[in-house]
Amino acid sequence: MAKFDKHNMNSMLSYRMGWNIGEPKSPFREYNCYKLDEDKAVVFILGATTAYIVYDELPLFPSDELITKIRLLE
């Protein structure tokens, strides 16, 4: 399994955010992480009434900057 596949990236984000991986307790309706290219990752977040797109540097994913951006959306 590749380090930056969708499942691993979602798990890495859940762990860093403190969301229970087995039973997601995210404040968002849905979120998915993807590798865009060799340098960039993207997180699609579906909130109660709004959708968000947040980018991150792939080698640092999930970076402190990404975690801060998502915390501000909670």
C-alpha atoms as a PDB file:
ATOM      1  CA  MET A   1       0.000   0.000   0.000  1.00  0.00           C
ATOM      2  CA  ALA A   2       1.382   3.404  -0.974  1.00  0.00           C
ATOM      3  CA  LYS A   3       2.075   5.979   1.712  1.00  0.00           C
ATOM      4  CA  PHE A   4       0.034   8.652  -0.027  1.00  0.00           C
ATOM      5  CA  ASP A   5      -3.034   6.696  -1.088  1.00  0.00           C
ATOM      6  CA  LYS A   6      -6.479   7.997  -0.088  1.00  0.00           C
ATOM      7  CA  HIS A   7      -6.944   5.628   2.861  1.00  0.00           C
ATOM      8  CA  ASN A   8      -3.530   6.341   4.407  1.00  0.00           C
ATOM      9  CA  MET A   9      -3.868  10.096   3.931  1.00  0.00           C
ATOM     10  CA  ASN A  10      -7.322  10.128   5.559  1.00  0.00           C
ATOM     11  CA  SER A  11      -5.946   8.079   8.472  1.00  0.00           C
ATOM     12  CA  MET A  12      -2.923  10.368   8.894  1.00  0.00           C
ATOM     13  CA  LEU A  13      -5.189  13.426   8.971  1.00  0.00           C
ATOM     14  CA  SER A  14      -7.607  11.801  11.431  1.00  0.00           C
ATOM     15  CA  TYR A  15      -4.746  10.904  13.750  1.00  0.00           C
ATOM     16  CA  ARG A  16      -3.259  14.415  13.696  1.00  0.00           C
ATOM     17  CA  MET A  17      -6.680  16.021  14.234  1.00  0.00           C
ATOM     18  CA  GLY A  18      -7.457  13.714  17.167  1.00  0.00           C
ATOM     19  CA  TRP A  19     -10.476  12.187  15.459  1.00  0.00           C
ATOM     20  CA  ASN A  20     -11.173   8.536  16.267  1.00  0.00           C
ATOM     21  CA  ILE A  21     -10.034   6.617  13.199  1.00  0.00           C
ATOM     22  CA  GLY A  22     -12.254   3.555  13.758  1.00  0.00           C
ATOM     23  CA  GLU A  23     -15.361   5.644  14.317  1.00  0.00           C
ATOM     24  CA  PRO A  24     -14.767   9.049  12.729  1.00  0.00           C
ATOM     25  CA  LYS A  25     -15.842  11.900  14.966  1.00  0.00           C
ATOM     26  CA  SER A  26     -14.995  14.671  12.576  1.00  0.00           C
ATOM     27  CA  PRO A  27     -17.116  17.818  12.902  1.00  0.00           C
ATOM     28  CA  PHE A  28     -17.490  17.710   9.112  1.00  0.00           C
ATOM     29  CA  ARG A  29     -19.984  15.632   7.157  1.00  0.00           C
ATOM     30  CA  GLU A  30     -17.209  14.232   5.006  1.00  0.00           C
ATOM     31  CA  TYR A  31     -13.551  14.773   4.161  1.00  0.00           C
ATOM     32  CA  ASN A  32     -11.175  13.142   1.695  1.00  0.00           C
ATOM     33  CA  CYS A  33      -7.469  13.601   1.055  1.00  0.00           C
ATOM     34  CA  TYR A  34      -5.727  13.112  -2.279  1.00  0.00           C
ATOM     35  CA  LYS A  35      -2.250  13.375  -3.750  1.00  0.00           C
ATOM     36  CA  LEU A  36      -2.393  15.911  -6.614  1.00  0.00           C
ATOM     37  CA  ASP A  37       1.190  15.571  -7.810  1.00  0.00           C
ATOM     38  CA  GLU A  38       4.673  14.955  -6.421  1.00  0.00           C
ATOM     39  CA  ASP A  39       4.578  18.151  -4.356  1.00  0.00           C
ATOM     40  CA  LYS A  40       0.972  18.842  -3.433  1.00  0.00           C
ATOM     41  CA  ALA A  41      -1.888  17.236  -1.508  1.00  0.00           C
ATOM     42  CA  VAL A  42      -5.467  18.423  -1.346  1.00  0.00           C
ATOM     43  CA  VAL A  43      -8.171  17.926   1.278  1.00  0.00           C
ATOM     44  CA  PHE A  44     -11.824  18.256   0.272  1.00  0.00           C
ATOM     45  CA  ILE A  45     -14.023  19.035   3.263  1.00  0.00           C
ATOM     46  CA  LEU A  46     -17.813  19.040   3.259  1.00  0.00           C
ATOM     47  CA  GLY A  47     -19.234  21.018   6.165  1.00  0.00           C
ATOM     48  CA  ALA A  48     -22.877  21.385   7.174  1.00  0.00           C
ATOM     49  CA  THR A  49     -23.566  24.056   4.542  1.00  0.00           C
ATOM     50  CA  THR A  50     -20.202  24.803   2.925  1.00  0.00           C
ATOM     51  CA  ALA A  51     -17.507  22.925   1.021  1.00  0.00           C
ATOM     52  CA  TYR A  52     -13.814  23.676   1.500  1.00  0.00           C
ATOM     53  CA  ILE A  53     -10.646  22.831  -0.388  1.00  0.00           C
ATOM     54  CA  VAL A  54      -7.355  23.008   1.511  1.00  0.00           C
ATOM     55  CA  TYR A  55      -3.922  22.388  -0.010  1.00  0.00           C
ATOM     56  CA  ASP A  56      -0.762  21.120   1.663  1.00  0.00           C
ATOM     57  CA  GLU A  57       2.818  20.244   0.741  1.00  0.00           C
ATOM     58  CA  LEU A  58       2.884  16.499   0.112  1.00  0.00           C
ATOM     59  CA  PRO A  59       6.234  15.740   1.799  1.00  0.00           C
ATOM     60  CA  LEU A  60       4.968  17.411   5.004  1.00  0.00           C
ATOM     61  CA  PHE A  61       1.400  16.039   4.896  1.00  0.00           C
ATOM     62  CA  PRO A  62      -0.328  16.581   7.241  1.00  0.00           C
ATOM     63  CA  SER A  63       1.658  19.690   8.102  1.00  0.00           C
ATOM     64  CA  ASP A  64       1.134  21.952  11.090  1.00  0.00           C
ATOM     65  CA  GLU A  65      -0.105  24.614   8.675  1.00  0.00           C
ATOM     66  CA  LEU A  66      -2.778  22.271   7.285  1.00  0.00           C
ATOM     67  CA  ILE A  67      -3.908  21.248  10.769  1.00  0.00           C
ATOM     68  CA  THR A  68      -4.212  24.913  11.762  1.00  0.00           C
ATOM     69  CA  LYS A  69      -6.261  25.735   8.657  1.00  0.00           C
ATOM     70  CA  ILE A  70      -8.652  22.851   9.332  1.00  0.00           C
ATOM     71  CA  ARG A  71      -8.942  23.734  13.044  1.00  0.00           C
ATOM     72  CA  LEU A  72     -10.060  27.227  11.996  1.00  0.00           C
ATOM     73  CA  LEU A  73     -12.843  25.644   9.914  1.00  0.00           C
ATOM     74  CA  GLU A  74     -14.212  23.547  12.815  1.00  0.00           C
END
